[in-house]
Structures are given as structure tokens and as C-alpha cells.
C-alpha atoms as a PDB file:
ATOM      1  CA  MET A   1      38.586  89.290   8.427  1.00  0.00           C
ATOM      2  CA  ILE A   2      36.901  87.846  11.608  1.00  0.00           C
ATOM      3  CA  ARG A   3      33.492  89.061  10.143  1.00  0.00           C
ATOM      4  CA  LYS A   4      34.116  87.208   6.840  1.00  0.00           C
ATOM      5  CA  ILE A   5      35.017  83.997   8.747  1.00  0.00           C
ATOM      6  CA  THR A   6      31.944  84.399  10.929  1.00  0.00           C
ATOM      7  CA  LEU A   7      29.657  84.905   7.961  1.00  0.00           C
ATOM      8  CA  SER A   8      31.053  82.215   6.183  1.00  0.00           C
ATOM      9  CA  LEU A   9      30.494  79.848   9.166  1.00  0.00           C
ATOM     10  CA  VAL A  10      26.855  81.070   9.524  1.00  0.00           C
ATOM     11  CA  ALA A  11      26.314  80.442   6.040  1.00  0.00           C
ATOM     12  CA  LEU A  12      27.899  76.821   6.159  1.00  0.00           C
ATOM     13  CA  SER A  13      25.755  76.107   9.233  1.00  0.00           C
ATOM     14  CA  LEU A  14      22.560  77.313   7.366  1.00  0.00           C
ATOM     15  CA  ALA A  15      23.284  75.225   4.367  1.00  0.00           C
ATOM     16  CA  SER A  16      24.010  72.128   6.488  1.00  0.00           C
ATOM     17  CA  ALA A  17      20.673  72.495   8.388  1.00  0.00           C
ATOM     18  CA  ALA A  18      18.913  72.912   4.986  1.00  0.00           C
ATOM     19  CA  ALA A  19      20.575  69.784   3.666  1.00  0.00           C
ATOM     20  CA  ILE A  20      19.546  67.742   6.810  1.00  0.00           C
ATOM     21  CA  GLY A  21      15.935  68.906   6.596  1.00  0.00           C
ATOM     22  CA  TYR A  22      15.743  68.206   2.935  1.00  0.00           C
ATOM     23  CA  ALA A  23      17.117  64.685   3.520  1.00  0.00           C
ATOM     24  CA  ALA A  24      14.637  64.052   6.380  1.00  0.00           C
ATOM     25  CA  ASN A  25      11.763  65.209   4.295  1.00  0.00           C
ATOM     26  CA  ARG A  26      12.708  62.783   1.359  1.00  0.00           C
ATOM     27  CA  GLN A  27      12.888  59.963   3.649  1.00  0.00           C
ATOM     28  CA  GLN A  28       9.123  60.378   4.459  1.00  0.00           C
ATOM     29  CA  ASP A  29       8.597  60.214   0.547  1.00  0.00           C
ATOM     30  CA  ASN A  30      10.370  56.903   0.421  1.00  0.00           C
ATOM     31  CA  ASP A  31       7.950  54.043   0.265  1.00  0.00           C
ATOM     32  CA  ALA A  32      10.455  51.682   1.919  1.00  0.00           C
ATOM     33  CA  SER A  33      10.006  53.746   5.157  1.00  0.00           C
ATOM     34  CA  ALA A  34       6.634  51.852   5.518  1.00  0.00           C
ATOM     35  CA  LEU A  35       8.286  48.537   5.593  1.00  0.00           C
ATOM     36  CA  PRO A  36       8.711  48.219   9.581  1.00  0.00           C
ATOM     37  CA  THR A  37       4.852  48.872   9.761  1.00  0.00           C
ATOM     38  CA  ALA A  38       3.945  45.972   7.306  1.00  0.00           C
ATOM     39  CA  LYS A  39       2.626  42.939   9.135  1.00  0.00           C
ATOM     40  CA  ILE A  40       3.282  40.583   6.135  1.00  0.00           C
ATOM     41  CA  THR A  41       6.505  40.059   4.405  1.00  0.00           C
ATOM     42  CA  LEU A  42       7.171  40.784   0.696  1.00  0.00           C
ATOM     43  CA  SER A  43       7.261  36.912   0.044  1.00  0.00           C
ATOM     44  CA  GLN A  44       3.993  36.509   1.610  1.00  0.00           C
ATOM     45  CA  ALA A  45       2.461  39.242  -0.379  1.00  0.00           C
ATOM     46  CA  ILE A  46       4.022  37.702  -3.658  1.00  0.00           C
ATOM     47  CA  ALA A  47       2.543  34.219  -2.531  1.00  0.00           C
ATOM     48  CA  ASN A  48      -0.847  35.728  -2.007  1.00  0.00           C
ATOM     49  CA  ALA A  49      -0.715  37.525  -5.451  1.00  0.00           C
ATOM     50  CA  GLU A  50       0.436  34.474  -7.276  1.00  0.00           C
ATOM     51  CA  GLN A  51      -2.297  32.382  -5.838  1.00  0.00           C
ATOM     52  CA  HIS A  52      -4.928  35.025  -6.634  1.00  0.00           C
ATOM     53  CA  ALA A  53      -3.941  35.606 -10.260  1.00  0.00           C
ATOM     54  CA  ALA A  54      -2.689  32.006 -10.960  1.00  0.00           C
ATOM     55  CA  GLY A  55       0.791  33.114 -12.282  1.00  0.00           C
ATOM     56  CA  HIS A  56       4.204  34.023 -11.429  1.00  0.00           C
ATOM     57  CA  ALA A  57       5.494  37.401 -10.048  1.00  0.00           C
ATOM     58  CA  THR A  58       7.789  39.410 -12.122  1.00  0.00           C
ATOM     59  CA  ARG A  59       7.952  42.675 -10.002  1.00  0.00           C
ATOM     60  CA  ALA A  60       6.904  43.435  -6.304  1.00  0.00           C
ATOM     61  CA  GLU A  61       7.196  46.586  -4.328  1.00  0.00           C
ATOM     62  CA  LEU A  62       5.909  48.143  -1.278  1.00  0.00           C
ATOM     63  CA  GLU A  63       4.039  51.259  -1.898  1.00  0.00           C
ATOM     64  CA  GLN A  64       2.571  53.936   0.625  1.00  0.00           C
ATOM     65  CA  THR A  65      -1.038  54.583  -0.312  1.00  0.00           C
ATOM     66  CA  LYS A  66      -3.676  56.788   1.187  1.00  0.00           C
ATOM     67  CA  ALA A  67      -5.175  53.764   3.026  1.00  0.00           C
ATOM     68  CA  GLY A  68      -1.628  52.889   4.329  1.00  0.00           C
ATOM     69  CA  PRO A  69       1.177  50.651   3.131  1.00  0.00           C
ATOM     70  CA  ALA A  70       0.408  47.927   0.278  1.00  0.00           C
ATOM     71  CA  TYR A  71       2.366  45.783  -1.874  1.00  0.00           C
ATOM     72  CA  ASP A  72       2.050  46.034  -5.726  1.00  0.00           C
ATOM     73  CA  VAL A  73       2.751  42.824  -7.347  1.00  0.00           C
ATOM     74  CA  GLU A  74       2.870  42.077 -11.220  1.00  0.00           C
ATOM     75  CA  ILE A  75       1.781  38.641 -12.097  1.00  0.00           C
ATOM     76  CA  VAL A  76       2.318  36.880 -15.484  1.00  0.00           C
ATOM     77  CA  ASN A  77       0.119  34.117 -16.558  1.00  0.00           C
ATOM     78  CA  GLY A  78       1.022  33.051 -19.988  1.00  0.00           C
ATOM     79  CA  LYS A  79       0.463  36.353 -22.102  1.00  0.00           C
ATOM     80  CA  ASP A  80      -1.582  37.983 -19.498  1.00  0.00           C
ATOM     81  CA  VAL A  81      -0.181  40.410 -17.008  1.00  0.00           C
ATOM     82  CA  VAL A  82      -2.169  41.283 -13.799  1.00  0.00           C
ATOM     83  CA  ASP A  83      -1.404  43.913 -11.240  1.00  0.00           C
ATOM     84  CA  VAL A  84      -2.356  42.724  -7.847  1.00  0.00           C
ATOM     85  CA  ARG A  85      -2.373  45.077  -4.629  1.00  0.00           C
ATOM     86  CA  ILE A  86      -2.039  43.226  -1.386  1.00  0.00           C
ATOM     87  CA  HIS A  87      -2.762  44.852   1.955  1.00  0.00           C
ATOM     88  CA  ALA A  88       0.415  44.970   4.085  1.00  0.00           C
ATOM     89  CA  ASP A  89      -1.173  44.361   7.246  1.00  0.00           C
ATOM     90  CA  SER A  90      -3.843  41.592   6.483  1.00  0.00           C
ATOM     91  CA  GLY A  91      -2.375  40.101   3.249  1.00  0.00           C
ATOM     92  CA  ALA A  92      -5.670  40.388   1.611  1.00  0.00           C
ATOM     93  CA  VAL A  93      -6.141  41.445  -2.067  1.00  0.00           C
ATOM     94  CA  ILE A  94      -7.337  44.993  -2.322  1.00  0.00           C
ATOM     95  CA  ALA A  95      -7.225  45.244  -6.072  1.00  0.00           C
ATOM     96  CA  SER A  96      -6.594  43.422  -9.068  1.00  0.00           C
ATOM     97  CA  ALA A  97      -6.576  44.469 -12.730  1.00  0.00           C
ATOM     98  CA  ARG A  98      -5.377  43.160 -15.898  1.00  0.00           C
ATOM     99  CA  ASP A  99      -2.389  45.394 -17.286  1.00  0.00           C
ATOM    100  CA  THR A 100      -2.892  46.036 -20.903  1.00  0.00           C
ATOM    101  CA  ARG A 101       0.279  48.008 -21.147  1.00  0.00           C
ATOM    102  CA  ASP A 102       3.100  48.609 -18.821  1.00  0.00           C
ATOM    103  CA  GLU A 103       2.282  51.716 -16.921  1.00  0.00           C
ATOM    104  CA  ASP A 104       3.233  50.434 -13.428  1.00  0.00           C
ATOM    105  CA  ASP A 105       6.230  52.870 -12.991  1.00  0.00           C
ATOM    106  CA  LYS A 106       6.209  55.857 -15.106  1.00  0.00           C
ATOM    107  CA  HIS A 107       9.316  57.273 -13.384  1.00  0.00           C
ATOM    108  CA  ASP A 108      11.478  54.334 -14.188  1.00  0.00           C
ATOM    109  CA  THR A 109      13.870  54.843 -17.097  1.00  0.00           C
ATOM    110  CA  VAL A 110      14.072  51.084 -18.000  1.00  0.00           C
ATOM    111  CA  ASP A 111      11.206  48.771 -17.602  1.00  0.00           C
END
């Protein structure tokens, strides 16, 4: 009986340790974890992108890229949609491309 209880406690401890390790690893995959390192705010990134593309932001998010954190901002100007990437430290426009079809977030179930 004591052996079964001990084995159960060991199994429970291992499962808890695995769950904690998994949660810690998932946090590294979360783009929002880069927010404390960003030197400009989301509002500043949106303003820079709106000025660059001469339109209004409809979506903005912080992404972790190979070059570091960057804001991806979707700008609408009339019928045109432009995806603008803003450097999270300098606020400079890294990239800008016309979005001919909505492929910004393939993982979104509703867009």
C-alpha cells in the first residue's frame, strides 16, 4: 500500500514538473514576451505606420522576428491594404508591402 502511494506521488511530481517545463517553454514562443524589450509603444508604431502608408490601422501586433521584436501593422487606405513592419527599438519602417489577399495570420480562425 505504501509502495503504491509512493509511486503515485512520484508520478504526480513528474507530471507536475513536466507541465511547468512545458508552460515555461510555451512562454518563450509567445510574441508578447518581447514587449518589455521594445523601446517604442504600440501606439507609436501605429502612428509611424499610418504616416508611412497614409491610411488608418486596422490591426497591429508585436512579432518576434529573427532580427528581434517588430510591430506588424495593417493599414487601410481606401481599397488598398498595406502591411507595414516597424522596428520595435527605433520605430523605423523595416518593410512595407501591399496586401493583395489577407494572409497575415493563417492561424486565426476568424479574420
